[in-house]
Amino acid sequence: MASGDSYDIFGMNDLVWVSGENSGYILGNYGIQHSITMKVKNSFSQAKNFYIYFGTNVTSAFAFPVVNMSGYTNQAVWINGGKYVDLIQTGEISPGATVTVSFFMVIGAISSTAWFIGARPV
């Protein structure tokens, strides 16, 4: 995932520049990139939009996720241990329907584990 903006905590000294149609610095350059596919079911009686959230459940940990879904990139702020952050939205899901959501996520190398990913209604 490339970004033309400066988001690196090390003054961009550790980022690689990518040239081309989507040029910019690679976000999460020394991290782990995941291709995530998850199913989200709307068990409510009315249509709902859901947040996809990410967090870390170790209280002494922290994480810095970046997500990309359908060309939209969102960079979260630092997440402290035991906390989560909403990253993207599914769009409206009909009552009783299940949708498959796919996105890419980069977790910076200086992040801690263990992580969790989930969905919750907006």
N, C-alpha and C. Protein backbone atom coordinates (compact mmCIF):
# COMPACT_ATOMS: atom_id res chain seq x y z
N MET A 1 0.85 -1.17 0.00
CA MET A 1 0.00 0.00 0.00
C MET A 1 0.89 1.23 0.00
N ALA A 2 0.70 2.06 -0.95
CA ALA A 2 1.53 3.26 -1.05
C ALA A 2 0.73 4.48 -0.66
N SER A 3 1.43 5.45 -0.13
CA SER A 3 0.79 6.70 0.25
C SER A 3 1.71 7.84 -0.11
N GLY A 4 1.15 8.91 -0.64
CA GLY A 4 1.94 10.09 -0.95
C GLY A 4 2.14 10.98 0.26
N ASP A 5 1.50 10.64 1.37
CA ASP A 5 1.59 11.45 2.58
C ASP A 5 2.67 10.91 3.50
N SER A 6 3.13 11.75 4.40
CA SER A 6 4.15 11.37 5.37
C SER A 6 3.49 10.92 6.67
N TYR A 7 3.51 9.62 6.93
CA TYR A 7 2.91 9.08 8.14
C TYR A 7 3.92 8.33 9.01
N ASP A 8 5.16 8.29 8.58
CA ASP A 8 6.12 7.44 9.26
C ASP A 8 6.67 8.10 10.51
N ILE A 9 6.80 7.32 11.58
CA ILE A 9 7.28 7.88 12.84
C ILE A 9 8.79 8.07 12.87
N PHE A 10 9.52 7.51 11.89
CA PHE A 10 10.96 7.65 11.86
C PHE A 10 11.40 8.70 10.84
N GLY A 11 10.55 9.67 10.53
CA GLY A 11 10.91 10.71 9.59
C GLY A 11 11.05 10.21 8.16
N MET A 12 10.42 9.11 7.84
CA MET A 12 10.39 8.51 6.51
C MET A 12 11.74 7.94 6.10
N ASN A 13 12.69 7.84 7.01
CA ASN A 13 14.00 7.29 6.68
C ASN A 13 13.96 5.81 6.36
N ASP A 14 12.95 5.10 6.86
CA ASP A 14 12.89 3.66 6.65
C ASP A 14 11.89 3.24 5.58
N LEU A 15 11.29 4.20 4.87
CA LEU A 15 10.26 3.87 3.89
C LEU A 15 10.83 3.81 2.47
N VAL A 16 10.23 2.94 1.67
CA VAL A 16 10.63 2.77 0.28
C VAL A 16 9.65 3.53 -0.60
N TRP A 17 10.16 4.28 -1.59
CA TRP A 17 9.32 5.02 -2.53
C TRP A 17 8.96 4.10 -3.70
N VAL A 18 7.68 4.08 -4.06
CA VAL A 18 7.20 3.29 -5.19
C VAL A 18 6.77 4.26 -6.28
N SER A 19 7.27 4.06 -7.50
CA SER A 19 6.91 4.91 -8.64
C SER A 19 5.85 4.22 -9.48
N GLY A 20 5.10 5.01 -10.21
CA GLY A 20 4.09 4.44 -11.10
C GLY A 20 2.75 5.07 -10.89
N GLU A 21 1.70 4.35 -11.30
CA GLU A 21 0.34 4.88 -11.24
C GLU A 21 -0.08 5.27 -9.83
N ASN A 22 0.29 4.48 -8.83
CA ASN A 22 -0.03 4.77 -7.43
C ASN A 22 1.24 5.02 -6.65
N SER A 23 2.02 6.00 -7.05
CA SER A 23 3.31 6.24 -6.41
C SER A 23 3.13 6.79 -5.00
N GLY A 24 4.13 6.54 -4.20
CA GLY A 24 4.14 7.02 -2.82
C GLY A 24 5.01 6.12 -1.97
N TYR A 25 5.13 6.45 -0.71
CA TYR A 25 5.90 5.62 0.22
C TYR A 25 5.07 4.40 0.60
N ILE A 26 5.73 3.27 0.78
CA ILE A 26 5.04 2.05 1.19
C ILE A 26 4.73 2.15 2.67
N LEU A 27 3.45 2.09 3.00
CA LEU A 27 3.03 2.13 4.41
C LEU A 27 3.26 0.76 5.03
N GLY A 28 3.81 0.73 6.22
CA GLY A 28 4.08 -0.55 6.88
C GLY A 28 5.22 -1.29 6.21
N ASN A 29 6.19 -0.56 5.70
CA ASN A 29 7.29 -1.11 4.93
C ASN A 29 7.94 -2.33 5.60
N TYR A 30 8.18 -2.27 6.88
CA TYR A 30 8.82 -3.39 7.57
C TYR A 30 7.83 -4.14 8.43
N GLY A 31 6.61 -4.16 8.04
CA GLY A 31 5.58 -4.86 8.80
C GLY A 31 5.13 -6.12 8.10
N ILE A 32 3.94 -6.55 8.47
CA ILE A 32 3.34 -7.75 7.92
C ILE A 32 2.09 -7.33 7.16
N GLN A 33 1.97 -7.77 5.91
CA GLN A 33 0.76 -7.48 5.14
C GLN A 33 -0.12 -8.72 5.13
N HIS A 34 -1.39 -8.51 5.45
CA HIS A 34 -2.37 -9.59 5.46
C HIS A 34 -3.44 -9.31 4.42
N SER A 35 -3.87 -10.34 3.73
CA SER A 35 -5.06 -10.27 2.88
C SER A 35 -6.16 -10.94 3.69
N ILE A 36 -7.15 -10.17 4.10
CA ILE A 36 -8.17 -10.66 5.02
C ILE A 36 -9.52 -10.76 4.31
N THR A 37 -10.17 -11.89 4.47
CA THR A 37 -11.53 -12.09 3.99
C THR A 37 -12.34 -12.59 5.18
N MET A 38 -13.42 -11.90 5.48
CA MET A 38 -14.26 -12.31 6.60
C MET A 38 -15.73 -12.15 6.23
N LYS A 39 -16.56 -12.96 6.84
CA LYS A 39 -18.01 -12.88 6.63
C LYS A 39 -18.62 -12.08 7.77
N VAL A 40 -19.56 -11.20 7.41
CA VAL A 40 -20.28 -10.40 8.40
C VAL A 40 -21.77 -10.66 8.19
N LYS A 41 -22.43 -11.11 9.25
CA LYS A 41 -23.87 -11.39 9.18
C LYS A 41 -24.64 -10.33 9.95
N ASN A 42 -25.68 -9.80 9.31
CA ASN A 42 -26.57 -8.86 9.97
C ASN A 42 -27.72 -9.66 10.59
N SER A 43 -27.66 -9.86 11.88
CA SER A 43 -28.71 -10.62 12.57
C SER A 43 -29.79 -9.71 13.14
N PHE A 44 -29.74 -8.43 12.78
CA PHE A 44 -30.76 -7.48 13.23
C PHE A 44 -31.97 -7.52 12.29
N SER A 45 -33.07 -6.94 12.72
CA SER A 45 -34.30 -6.94 11.91
C SER A 45 -34.35 -5.76 10.94
N GLN A 46 -33.34 -4.92 10.94
CA GLN A 46 -33.27 -3.81 9.98
C GLN A 46 -31.88 -3.77 9.37
N ALA A 47 -31.76 -3.12 8.22
CA ALA A 47 -30.48 -3.00 7.54
C ALA A 47 -29.50 -2.23 8.43
N LYS A 48 -28.26 -2.67 8.43
CA LYS A 48 -27.22 -2.05 9.26
C LYS A 48 -25.92 -1.93 8.48
N ASN A 49 -25.15 -0.92 8.84
CA ASN A 49 -23.78 -0.74 8.40
C ASN A 49 -22.89 -1.22 9.55
N PHE A 50 -21.78 -1.88 9.24
CA PHE A 50 -20.90 -2.40 10.29
C PHE A 50 -19.50 -1.82 10.15
N TYR A 51 -18.86 -1.56 11.29
CA TYR A 51 -17.45 -1.21 11.33
C TYR A 51 -16.63 -2.49 11.37
N ILE A 52 -15.53 -2.51 10.66
CA ILE A 52 -14.51 -3.53 10.86
C ILE A 52 -13.49 -2.89 11.80
N TYR A 53 -13.24 -3.55 12.92
CA TYR A 53 -12.34 -2.97 13.91
C TYR A 53 -11.13 -3.86 14.12
N PHE A 54 -10.09 -3.27 14.67
CA PHE A 54 -8.83 -3.96 14.94
C PHE A 54 -8.34 -3.52 16.30
N GLY A 55 -7.78 -4.44 17.05
CA GLY A 55 -7.25 -4.09 18.36
C GLY A 55 -6.21 -5.08 18.83
N THR A 56 -5.68 -4.78 19.98
CA THR A 56 -4.73 -5.67 20.64
C THR A 56 -5.22 -5.91 22.05
N ASN A 57 -5.21 -7.17 22.46
CA ASN A 57 -5.77 -7.50 23.77
C ASN A 57 -4.73 -7.72 24.86
N VAL A 58 -3.50 -7.37 24.59
CA VAL A 58 -2.45 -7.44 25.61
C VAL A 58 -2.29 -6.03 26.17
N THR A 59 -2.51 -5.85 27.46
CA THR A 59 -2.56 -4.50 28.03
C THR A 59 -1.25 -3.73 27.91
N SER A 60 -0.13 -4.42 27.84
CA SER A 60 1.16 -3.72 27.73
C SER A 60 1.59 -3.55 26.27
N ALA A 61 0.70 -3.86 25.33
CA ALA A 61 1.05 -3.84 23.91
C ALA A 61 0.56 -2.57 23.22
N PHE A 62 0.92 -2.44 21.95
CA PHE A 62 0.40 -1.39 21.10
C PHE A 62 0.48 -1.87 19.66
N ALA A 63 -0.27 -1.22 18.78
CA ALA A 63 -0.26 -1.60 17.37
C ALA A 63 -0.53 -0.38 16.51
N PHE A 64 -0.17 -0.50 15.24
CA PHE A 64 -0.35 0.59 14.29
C PHE A 64 -0.81 0.00 12.96
N PRO A 65 -2.13 -0.19 12.76
CA PRO A 65 -2.62 -0.82 11.53
C PRO A 65 -2.90 0.18 10.41
N VAL A 66 -2.75 -0.29 9.18
CA VAL A 66 -3.13 0.45 7.98
C VAL A 66 -3.98 -0.51 7.15
N VAL A 67 -5.14 -0.06 6.66
CA VAL A 67 -5.99 -0.93 5.85
C VAL A 67 -6.24 -0.32 4.47
N ASN A 68 -6.51 -1.19 3.51
CA ASN A 68 -6.89 -0.77 2.17
C ASN A 68 -8.01 -1.67 1.70
N MET A 69 -9.13 -1.05 1.30
CA MET A 69 -10.27 -1.80 0.78
C MET A 69 -10.83 -1.05 -0.42
N SER A 70 -10.86 -1.71 -1.54
CA SER A 70 -11.41 -1.14 -2.78
C SER A 70 -10.78 0.21 -3.12
N GLY A 71 -9.46 0.32 -2.93
CA GLY A 71 -8.75 1.54 -3.27
C GLY A 71 -8.76 2.62 -2.21
N TYR A 72 -9.48 2.41 -1.11
CA TYR A 72 -9.51 3.38 -0.01
C TYR A 72 -8.51 2.93 1.05
N THR A 73 -7.60 3.81 1.43
CA THR A 73 -6.62 3.50 2.46
C THR A 73 -6.90 4.32 3.70
N ASN A 74 -6.88 3.67 4.83
CA ASN A 74 -7.08 4.35 6.11
C ASN A 74 -5.96 3.95 7.05
N GLN A 75 -5.34 4.94 7.63
CA GLN A 75 -4.31 4.69 8.62
C GLN A 75 -4.84 5.08 9.97
N ALA A 76 -4.75 4.17 10.90
CA ALA A 76 -5.23 4.43 12.25
C ALA A 76 -4.13 5.08 13.08
N VAL A 77 -4.53 5.61 14.19
CA VAL A 77 -3.57 6.12 15.16
C VAL A 77 -3.04 4.94 15.97
N TRP A 78 -2.06 5.17 16.80
CA TRP A 78 -1.56 4.11 17.66
C TRP A 78 -2.69 3.57 18.52
N ILE A 79 -2.74 2.27 18.66
CA ILE A 79 -3.74 1.61 19.51
C ILE A 79 -3.01 1.09 20.74
N ASN A 80 -3.42 1.53 21.90
CA ASN A 80 -2.85 1.03 23.13
C ASN A 80 -3.42 -0.34 23.46
N GLY A 81 -2.70 -1.10 24.26
CA GLY A 81 -3.13 -2.44 24.65
C GLY A 81 -4.51 -2.45 25.27
N GLY A 82 -5.28 -3.48 24.94
CA GLY A 82 -6.62 -3.62 25.47
C GLY A 82 -7.64 -2.72 24.79
N LYS A 83 -7.26 -2.05 23.72
CA LYS A 83 -8.15 -1.12 23.00
C LYS A 83 -8.33 -1.58 21.56
N TYR A 84 -9.30 -0.95 20.87
CA TYR A 84 -9.50 -1.21 19.45
C TYR A 84 -9.82 0.09 18.74
N VAL A 85 -9.75 0.06 17.41
CA VAL A 85 -10.09 1.22 16.60
C VAL A 85 -10.91 0.75 15.40
N ASP A 86 -11.93 1.54 15.03
CA ASP A 86 -12.72 1.26 13.84
C ASP A 86 -11.91 1.70 12.62
N LEU A 87 -11.79 0.81 11.64
CA LEU A 87 -10.95 1.10 10.48
C LEU A 87 -11.73 1.37 9.21
N ILE A 88 -12.68 0.51 8.88
CA ILE A 88 -13.46 0.66 7.65
C ILE A 88 -14.89 0.26 7.93
N GLN A 89 -15.77 0.55 6.97
CA GLN A 89 -17.18 0.17 7.11
C GLN A 89 -17.57 -0.77 5.98
N THR A 90 -18.54 -1.63 6.27
CA THR A 90 -18.99 -2.61 5.28
C THR A 90 -19.94 -2.03 4.26
N GLY A 91 -20.63 -0.95 4.62
CA GLY A 91 -21.77 -0.51 3.83
C GLY A 91 -23.00 -1.22 4.37
N GLU A 92 -24.15 -0.80 3.93
CA GLU A 92 -25.40 -1.34 4.48
C GLU A 92 -25.60 -2.81 4.11
N ILE A 93 -25.95 -3.61 5.12
CA ILE A 93 -26.23 -5.04 4.94
C ILE A 93 -27.69 -5.27 5.29
N SER A 94 -28.41 -5.95 4.41
CA SER A 94 -29.84 -6.23 4.62
C SER A 94 -30.04 -7.14 5.82
N PRO A 95 -31.22 -7.07 6.46
CA PRO A 95 -31.52 -7.93 7.61
C PRO A 95 -31.37 -9.41 7.24
N GLY A 96 -30.67 -10.16 8.07
CA GLY A 96 -30.48 -11.59 7.87
C GLY A 96 -29.43 -11.96 6.83
N ALA A 97 -28.90 -10.97 6.12
CA ALA A 97 -27.92 -11.25 5.05
C ALA A 97 -26.52 -11.41 5.62
N THR A 98 -25.72 -12.18 4.90
CA THR A 98 -24.30 -12.34 5.21
C THR A 98 -23.51 -11.87 4.01
N VAL A 99 -22.53 -11.01 4.23
CA VAL A 99 -21.68 -10.53 3.14
C VAL A 99 -20.23 -10.92 3.43
N THR A 100 -19.48 -11.04 2.36
CA THR A 100 -18.05 -11.31 2.48
C THR A 100 -17.31 -10.00 2.28
N VAL A 101 -16.46 -9.65 3.22
CA VAL A 101 -15.68 -8.42 3.18
C VAL A 101 -14.22 -8.80 3.01
N SER A 102 -13.55 -8.22 2.02
CA SER A 102 -12.13 -8.49 1.78
C SER A 102 -11.36 -7.18 1.80
N PHE A 103 -10.20 -7.21 2.43
CA PHE A 103 -9.36 -6.02 2.48
C PHE A 103 -7.93 -6.43 2.80
N PHE A 104 -7.01 -5.50 2.61
CA PHE A 104 -5.61 -5.71 2.96
C PHE A 104 -5.31 -4.92 4.22
N MET A 105 -4.47 -5.49 5.06
CA MET A 105 -4.06 -4.80 6.28
C MET A 105 -2.56 -4.96 6.46
N VAL A 106 -1.92 -3.86 6.79
CA VAL A 106 -0.49 -3.88 7.12
C VAL A 106 -0.37 -3.53 8.59
N ILE A 107 0.37 -4.34 9.31
CA ILE A 107 0.67 -4.08 10.72
C ILE A 107 2.15 -3.76 10.80
N GLY A 108 2.47 -2.54 11.24
CA GLY A 108 3.86 -2.11 11.33
C GLY A 108 4.70 -3.04 12.20
N ALA A 109 5.97 -3.20 11.83
CA ALA A 109 6.86 -4.12 12.52
C ALA A 109 7.06 -3.77 13.99
N ILE A 110 6.85 -2.53 14.37
CA ILE A 110 7.04 -2.16 15.77
C ILE A 110 5.79 -2.39 16.60
N SER A 111 4.76 -2.98 15.98
CA SER A 111 3.53 -3.29 16.71
C SER A 111 3.70 -4.56 17.52
N SER A 112 2.89 -4.69 18.54
CA SER A 112 2.91 -5.87 19.40
C SER A 112 1.74 -6.79 19.06
N THR A 113 1.82 -8.02 19.52
CA THR A 113 0.71 -8.96 19.35
C THR A 113 0.15 -9.28 20.72
N ALA A 114 -0.90 -9.87 20.92
CA ALA A 114 -1.83 -10.51 20.00
C ALA A 114 -2.88 -9.52 19.54
N TRP A 115 -3.40 -9.75 18.32
CA TRP A 115 -4.37 -8.85 17.71
C TRP A 115 -5.72 -9.51 17.62
N PHE A 116 -6.75 -8.69 17.42
CA PHE A 116 -8.07 -9.22 17.09
C PHE A 116 -8.72 -8.32 16.06
N ILE A 117 -9.54 -8.92 15.22
CA ILE A 117 -10.28 -8.21 14.19
C ILE A 117 -11.73 -8.65 14.30
N GLY A 118 -12.65 -7.71 14.17
CA GLY A 118 -14.06 -8.07 14.27
C GLY A 118 -14.94 -7.07 13.56
N ALA A 119 -16.25 -7.27 13.68
CA ALA A 119 -17.24 -6.37 13.09
C ALA A 119 -18.26 -6.01 14.16
N ARG A 120 -18.71 -4.76 14.13
CA ARG A 120 -19.74 -4.30 15.07
C ARG A 120 -20.64 -3.31 14.35
N PRO A 121 -21.92 -3.23 14.73
CA PRO A 121 -22.82 -2.30 14.05
C PRO A 121 -22.43 -0.85 14.31
N VAL A 122 -22.62 -0.02 13.29
CA VAL A 122 -22.34 1.42 13.42
C VAL A 122 -23.39 2.04 14.31
